[in-house]
Amino acid sequence: MRIPALSGASREGTLFFHFGGPGLHPRDFLPELRRRWSSYDADDALHGGKRLLA
């Protein structure tokens, strides 16, 4: 699955997920991860960046 940056000028790199074996299919796992990360406070020093990625 590839999602390009909204603005080429603000592109910073690549985020790669390797699921590493049996488990959830990426079609199930990634939307759940997005839902979870969207709930974090953007000002949280540890998890705020995850909200931006979501």
Protein backbone atom coordinates (compact mmCIF):
# COMPACT_ATOMS: atom_id res chain seq x y z
CA MET A 1 0.00 0.00 0.00
CA ARG A 2 1.53 3.34 -0.92
CA ILE A 3 0.14 6.72 0.03
CA PRO A 4 2.06 9.69 -1.38
CA ALA A 5 2.67 12.87 0.57
CA LEU A 6 0.02 15.54 0.12
CA SER A 7 2.74 17.97 -0.88
CA GLY A 8 5.95 16.83 -2.55
CA ALA A 9 7.79 19.73 -0.92
CA SER A 10 6.91 18.49 2.57
CA ARG A 11 7.78 14.83 1.91
CA GLU A 12 10.13 13.55 4.61
CA GLY A 13 10.72 9.89 3.90
CA THR A 14 9.14 6.48 4.06
CA LEU A 15 7.30 4.59 6.74
CA PHE A 16 7.57 0.84 6.22
CA PHE A 17 5.56 -1.79 8.08
CA HIS A 18 6.70 -5.38 8.13
CA PHE A 19 4.16 -7.53 9.91
CA GLY A 20 6.64 -10.33 10.50
CA GLY A 21 4.61 -13.49 10.26
CA PRO A 22 1.13 -14.81 10.73
CA GLY A 23 -1.40 -12.40 12.09
CA LEU A 24 -3.72 -9.73 10.83
CA HIS A 25 -3.85 -8.85 7.17
CA PRO A 26 -2.61 -5.28 6.45
CA ARG A 27 -6.11 -4.35 5.24
CA ASP A 28 -7.32 -5.02 8.78
CA PHE A 29 -4.27 -4.00 10.79
CA LEU A 30 -3.44 -0.61 9.28
CA PRO A 31 -6.94 0.92 9.60
CA GLU A 32 -7.02 -0.22 13.24
CA LEU A 33 -3.58 1.30 13.84
CA ARG A 34 -4.79 4.57 12.26
CA ARG A 35 -7.86 4.58 14.51
CA ARG A 36 -5.73 4.03 17.59
CA TRP A 37 -3.06 6.59 16.65
CA SER A 38 -5.72 9.20 15.81
CA SER A 39 -6.81 9.15 19.46
CA TYR A 40 -3.43 10.35 20.77
CA ASP A 41 -2.92 13.95 21.83
CA ALA A 42 -0.81 15.75 19.21
CA ASP A 43 1.09 17.52 22.03
CA ASP A 44 2.09 14.25 23.73
CA ALA A 45 5.89 14.10 23.65
CA LEU A 46 5.96 10.32 23.20
CA HIS A 47 2.95 9.63 20.98
CA GLY A 48 2.12 12.97 19.31
CA GLY A 49 3.98 12.08 16.13
CA LYS A 50 1.79 9.00 15.71
CA ARG A 51 -1.30 11.23 15.49
CA LEU A 52 0.36 13.19 12.67
CA LEU A 53 1.09 9.94 10.82
CA ALA A 54 -2.49 8.73 11.27
